[in-house]
């Protein structure tokens, strides 16, 4: 394999590593935010159960539902990030296979 092709593949691997790091951080942050939103939602549901005022109860339930929606959104971001990580891993394996292949 000629040097320019080798360097291009090595640069590709480096770029994939950087993408993988960013995607992993993003997925991790989304997972963390989803957990936080679920806890906040549970607090609002708890307050709603204890509320004597029907207006306060309704407002707490609305907020709880809003945080459930935010949690679900973050969970979908995290799932997409994990799919991207699997694709990046596949591309890295293919690139490494090209590096290991003898030149024809």
N, C-alpha and C. Protein backbone atom coordinates (compact mmCIF):
# COMPACT_ATOMS: atom_id res chain seq x y z
N UNK A 1 0.86 -1.17 0.00
CA UNK A 1 0.00 0.00 0.00
C UNK A 1 0.90 1.23 0.00
N UNK A 2 0.57 2.18 -0.84
CA UNK A 2 1.43 3.36 -0.91
C UNK A 2 1.21 4.26 0.31
N UNK A 3 2.20 5.12 0.55
CA UNK A 3 2.18 5.95 1.76
C UNK A 3 0.99 6.90 1.82
N UNK A 4 0.62 7.48 0.69
CA UNK A 4 -0.50 8.43 0.72
C UNK A 4 -1.81 7.74 1.08
N UNK A 5 -1.99 6.53 0.57
CA UNK A 5 -3.21 5.78 0.91
C UNK A 5 -3.19 5.38 2.39
N UNK A 6 -2.04 4.94 2.86
CA UNK A 6 -1.91 4.56 4.27
C UNK A 6 -2.23 5.74 5.17
N UNK A 7 -1.65 6.91 4.85
CA UNK A 7 -1.90 8.10 5.67
C UNK A 7 -3.36 8.52 5.61
N UNK A 8 -3.99 8.38 4.46
CA UNK A 8 -5.42 8.73 4.34
C UNK A 8 -6.26 7.82 5.23
N UNK A 9 -5.93 6.54 5.25
CA UNK A 9 -6.68 5.60 6.10
C UNK A 9 -6.43 5.88 7.59
N UNK A 10 -5.19 6.21 7.92
CA UNK A 10 -4.87 6.54 9.32
C UNK A 10 -5.60 7.81 9.74
N UNK A 11 -5.65 8.79 8.84
CA UNK A 11 -6.38 10.03 9.14
C UNK A 11 -7.87 9.74 9.30
N UNK A 12 -8.38 8.85 8.48
CA UNK A 12 -9.79 8.45 8.59
C UNK A 12 -10.06 7.82 9.95
N UNK A 13 -9.16 6.95 10.39
CA UNK A 13 -9.31 6.33 11.71
C UNK A 13 -9.30 7.38 12.81
N UNK A 14 -8.41 8.35 12.68
CA UNK A 14 -8.34 9.42 13.67
C UNK A 14 -9.65 10.21 13.71
N UNK A 15 -10.18 10.53 12.54
CA UNK A 15 -11.46 11.25 12.48
C UNK A 15 -12.60 10.42 13.08
N UNK A 16 -12.59 9.13 12.81
CA UNK A 16 -13.61 8.26 13.38
C UNK A 16 -13.49 8.20 14.91
N UNK A 17 -12.26 8.18 15.41
CA UNK A 17 -12.05 8.20 16.86
C UNK A 17 -12.62 9.47 17.48
N UNK A 18 -12.39 10.60 16.82
CA UNK A 18 -12.92 11.87 17.32
C UNK A 18 -14.45 11.88 17.29
N UNK A 19 -15.02 11.38 16.19
CA UNK A 19 -16.48 11.29 16.10
C UNK A 19 -17.03 10.39 17.19
N UNK A 20 -16.34 9.28 17.42
CA UNK A 20 -16.78 8.32 18.43
C UNK A 20 -16.78 8.97 19.81
N UNK A 21 -15.74 9.71 20.12
CA UNK A 21 -15.65 10.38 21.42
C UNK A 21 -16.78 11.38 21.59
N UNK A 22 -17.01 12.21 20.57
CA UNK A 22 -18.09 13.21 20.66
C UNK A 22 -19.45 12.53 20.81
N UNK A 23 -19.68 11.48 20.02
CA UNK A 23 -20.98 10.80 20.07
C UNK A 23 -21.18 10.11 21.41
N UNK A 24 -20.12 9.51 21.94
CA UNK A 24 -20.21 8.83 23.24
C UNK A 24 -20.53 9.85 24.34
N UNK A 25 -19.88 11.00 24.29
CA UNK A 25 -20.15 12.06 25.28
C UNK A 25 -21.58 12.55 25.16
N UNK A 26 -22.03 12.73 23.94
CA UNK A 26 -23.40 13.21 23.71
C UNK A 26 -24.43 12.20 24.20
N UNK A 27 -24.22 10.94 23.89
CA UNK A 27 -25.16 9.89 24.33
C UNK A 27 -25.16 9.78 25.85
N UNK A 28 -23.99 9.90 26.44
CA UNK A 28 -23.89 9.82 27.90
C UNK A 28 -24.62 11.00 28.56
N UNK A 29 -24.43 12.18 27.99
CA UNK A 29 -25.11 13.37 28.53
C UNK A 29 -26.63 13.22 28.40
N UNK A 30 -27.09 12.71 27.27
CA UNK A 30 -28.53 12.52 27.08
C UNK A 30 -29.09 11.50 28.07
N UNK A 31 -28.35 10.45 28.32
CA UNK A 31 -28.78 9.45 29.30
C UNK A 31 -28.87 10.06 30.69
N UNK A 32 -27.87 10.86 31.03
CA UNK A 32 -27.87 11.53 32.33
C UNK A 32 -29.05 12.50 32.45
N UNK A 33 -29.28 13.29 31.41
CA UNK A 33 -30.39 14.24 31.44
C UNK A 33 -31.73 13.51 31.53
N UNK A 34 -31.87 12.41 30.82
CA UNK A 34 -33.11 11.64 30.89
C UNK A 34 -33.37 11.16 32.32
N UNK A 35 -32.32 10.70 32.98
CA UNK A 35 -32.46 10.26 34.37
C UNK A 35 -32.89 11.41 35.27
N UNK A 36 -32.27 12.55 35.08
CA UNK A 36 -32.63 13.73 35.89
C UNK A 36 -34.08 14.13 35.66
N UNK A 37 -34.50 14.13 34.38
CA UNK A 37 -35.88 14.50 34.07
C UNK A 37 -36.86 13.51 34.68
N UNK A 38 -36.51 12.24 34.70
CA UNK A 38 -37.40 11.23 35.31
C UNK A 38 -37.54 11.48 36.81
N UNK A 39 -36.44 11.84 37.47
CA UNK A 39 -36.49 12.13 38.92
C UNK A 39 -37.35 13.36 39.17
N UNK A 40 -37.15 14.40 38.39
CA UNK A 40 -37.95 15.62 38.55
C UNK A 40 -39.42 15.32 38.31
N UNK A 41 -39.71 14.52 37.28
CA UNK A 41 -41.09 14.15 36.99
C UNK A 41 -41.70 13.41 38.18
N UNK A 42 -40.95 12.50 38.76
CA UNK A 42 -41.45 11.74 39.92
C UNK A 42 -41.75 12.67 41.08
N UNK A 43 -40.94 13.70 41.26
CA UNK A 43 -41.21 14.67 42.33
C UNK A 43 -42.52 15.41 42.09
N UNK A 44 -42.73 15.82 40.84
CA UNK A 44 -43.98 16.52 40.53
C UNK A 44 -45.19 15.59 40.70
N UNK A 45 -45.06 14.32 40.29
CA UNK A 45 -46.15 13.37 40.49
C UNK A 45 -46.43 13.20 41.99
N UNK A 46 -45.38 13.13 42.77
CA UNK A 46 -45.52 12.99 44.22
C UNK A 46 -46.23 14.20 44.82
N UNK A 47 -45.81 15.38 44.38
CA UNK A 47 -46.46 16.61 44.88
C UNK A 47 -47.93 16.64 44.48
N UNK A 48 -48.21 16.19 43.27
CA UNK A 48 -49.60 16.18 42.80
C UNK A 48 -50.46 15.25 43.65
N UNK A 49 -49.91 14.12 44.04
CA UNK A 49 -50.66 13.18 44.87
C UNK A 49 -51.00 13.76 46.23
N UNK A 50 -50.09 14.61 46.74
CA UNK A 50 -50.28 15.20 48.07
C UNK A 50 -51.04 16.52 48.05
N UNK A 51 -51.24 17.09 46.88
CA UNK A 51 -51.86 18.41 46.77
C UNK A 51 -53.34 18.35 47.16
N UNK A 52 -53.72 19.30 48.00
CA UNK A 52 -55.12 19.42 48.39
C UNK A 52 -55.88 20.33 47.42
N UNK A 53 -55.18 21.29 46.89
CA UNK A 53 -55.76 22.24 45.93
C UNK A 53 -55.80 21.59 44.54
N UNK A 54 -56.99 21.48 43.93
CA UNK A 54 -57.10 20.83 42.62
C UNK A 54 -56.31 21.56 41.51
N UNK A 55 -56.20 22.88 41.62
CA UNK A 55 -55.43 23.63 40.62
C UNK A 55 -53.95 23.28 40.74
N UNK A 56 -53.45 23.25 41.97
CA UNK A 56 -52.05 22.90 42.23
C UNK A 56 -51.77 21.48 41.74
N UNK A 57 -52.73 20.58 42.00
CA UNK A 57 -52.59 19.19 41.56
C UNK A 57 -52.48 19.12 40.05
N UNK A 58 -53.35 19.83 39.36
CA UNK A 58 -53.35 19.84 37.89
C UNK A 58 -52.03 20.41 37.35
N UNK A 59 -51.57 21.51 37.93
CA UNK A 59 -50.31 22.12 37.50
C UNK A 59 -49.13 21.17 37.71
N UNK A 60 -49.11 20.50 38.85
CA UNK A 60 -48.03 19.55 39.12
C UNK A 60 -48.07 18.38 38.15
N UNK A 61 -49.27 17.91 37.81
CA UNK A 61 -49.38 16.81 36.84
C UNK A 61 -48.91 17.24 35.45
N UNK A 62 -49.23 18.47 35.07
CA UNK A 62 -48.78 18.99 33.77
C UNK A 62 -47.25 19.07 33.75
N UNK A 63 -46.66 19.58 34.82
CA UNK A 63 -45.19 19.65 34.89
C UNK A 63 -44.56 18.25 34.87
N UNK A 64 -45.19 17.34 35.58
CA UNK A 64 -44.67 15.96 35.59
C UNK A 64 -44.67 15.40 34.18
N UNK A 65 -45.74 15.60 33.46
CA UNK A 65 -45.85 15.11 32.08
C UNK A 65 -44.82 15.79 31.18
N UNK A 66 -44.60 17.09 31.37
CA UNK A 66 -43.58 17.79 30.58
C UNK A 66 -42.20 17.18 30.79
N UNK A 67 -41.88 16.85 32.03
CA UNK A 67 -40.57 16.25 32.31
C UNK A 67 -40.48 14.81 31.79
N UNK A 68 -41.59 14.10 31.78
CA UNK A 68 -41.60 12.77 31.17
C UNK A 68 -41.30 12.90 29.67
N UNK A 69 -41.91 13.89 29.03
CA UNK A 69 -41.67 14.11 27.60
C UNK A 69 -40.20 14.46 27.34
N UNK A 70 -39.63 15.31 28.18
CA UNK A 70 -38.21 15.66 28.04
C UNK A 70 -37.33 14.43 28.22
N UNK A 71 -37.66 13.58 29.19
CA UNK A 71 -36.89 12.37 29.43
C UNK A 71 -36.96 11.44 28.21
N UNK A 72 -38.13 11.29 27.64
CA UNK A 72 -38.28 10.43 26.47
C UNK A 72 -37.50 10.98 25.28
N UNK A 73 -37.49 12.29 25.13
CA UNK A 73 -36.73 12.91 24.05
C UNK A 73 -35.23 12.64 24.23
N UNK A 74 -34.74 12.84 25.45
CA UNK A 74 -33.32 12.58 25.72
C UNK A 74 -32.97 11.10 25.53
N UNK A 75 -33.88 10.23 25.91
CA UNK A 75 -33.65 8.80 25.72
C UNK A 75 -33.55 8.45 24.23
N UNK A 76 -34.36 9.11 23.41
CA UNK A 76 -34.27 8.86 21.97
C UNK A 76 -32.96 9.40 21.40
N UNK A 77 -32.48 10.55 21.92
CA UNK A 77 -31.17 11.06 21.51
C UNK A 77 -30.07 10.07 21.88
N UNK A 78 -30.15 9.53 23.08
CA UNK A 78 -29.15 8.56 23.54
C UNK A 78 -29.18 7.30 22.67
N UNK A 79 -30.37 6.83 22.35
CA UNK A 79 -30.49 5.63 21.52
C UNK A 79 -29.89 5.87 20.14
N UNK A 80 -30.16 7.04 19.58
CA UNK A 80 -29.58 7.38 18.27
C UNK A 80 -28.05 7.45 18.37
N UNK A 81 -27.56 8.00 19.47
CA UNK A 81 -26.12 8.06 19.68
C UNK A 81 -25.49 6.68 19.73
N UNK A 82 -26.17 5.74 20.37
CA UNK A 82 -25.65 4.37 20.45
C UNK A 82 -25.68 3.69 19.08
N UNK A 83 -26.69 4.00 18.28
CA UNK A 83 -26.72 3.47 16.91
C UNK A 83 -25.54 4.03 16.11
N UNK A 84 -25.29 5.33 16.27
CA UNK A 84 -24.16 5.96 15.58
C UNK A 84 -22.84 5.33 16.02
N UNK A 85 -22.71 5.04 17.31
CA UNK A 85 -21.49 4.40 17.80
C UNK A 85 -21.27 3.03 17.16
N UNK A 86 -22.34 2.30 16.97
CA UNK A 86 -22.23 0.98 16.31
C UNK A 86 -21.78 1.15 14.86
N UNK A 87 -22.31 2.16 14.18
CA UNK A 87 -21.90 2.41 12.80
C UNK A 87 -20.44 2.85 12.73
N UNK A 88 -20.02 3.69 13.65
CA UNK A 88 -18.63 4.14 13.69
C UNK A 88 -17.70 2.95 13.94
N UNK A 89 -18.08 2.07 14.84
CA UNK A 89 -17.27 0.88 15.11
C UNK A 89 -17.14 0.02 13.85
N UNK A 90 -18.23 -0.10 13.11
CA UNK A 90 -18.19 -0.86 11.86
C UNK A 90 -17.24 -0.21 10.86
N UNK A 91 -17.32 1.11 10.72
CA UNK A 91 -16.43 1.82 9.80
C UNK A 91 -14.96 1.68 10.21
N UNK A 92 -14.72 1.70 11.50
CA UNK A 92 -13.34 1.52 11.99
C UNK A 92 -12.82 0.13 11.64
N UNK A 93 -13.66 -0.88 11.82
CA UNK A 93 -13.25 -2.25 11.47
C UNK A 93 -12.95 -2.36 9.97
N UNK A 94 -13.79 -1.75 9.16
CA UNK A 94 -13.56 -1.79 7.71
C UNK A 94 -12.26 -1.06 7.34
N UNK A 95 -12.02 0.06 7.97
CA UNK A 95 -10.79 0.81 7.70
C UNK A 95 -9.56 0.03 8.12
N UNK A 96 -9.63 -0.60 9.28
CA UNK A 96 -8.50 -1.42 9.73
C UNK A 96 -8.27 -2.60 8.79
N UNK A 97 -9.34 -3.18 8.27
CA UNK A 97 -9.20 -4.28 7.33
C UNK A 97 -8.50 -3.81 6.05
N UNK A 98 -8.80 -2.58 5.62
CA UNK A 98 -8.12 -2.04 4.44
C UNK A 98 -6.63 -1.84 4.72
N UNK A 99 -6.30 -1.42 5.93
CA UNK A 99 -4.90 -1.23 6.28
C UNK A 99 -4.14 -2.54 6.32
N UNK A 100 -4.82 -3.61 6.72
CA UNK A 100 -4.18 -4.92 6.85
C UNK A 100 -4.11 -5.67 5.52
N UNK A 101 -4.90 -5.25 4.56
CA UNK A 101 -4.95 -5.94 3.27
C UNK A 101 -3.65 -5.68 2.50
N UNK A 102 -3.06 -6.72 1.98
CA UNK A 102 -1.83 -6.52 1.18
C UNK A 102 -2.17 -5.80 -0.13
N UNK A 103 -1.21 -5.00 -0.58
CA UNK A 103 -1.42 -4.25 -1.81
C UNK A 103 -1.43 -5.18 -3.01
N UNK A 104 -2.35 -4.93 -3.95
CA UNK A 104 -2.44 -5.77 -5.15
C UNK A 104 -1.53 -5.26 -6.23
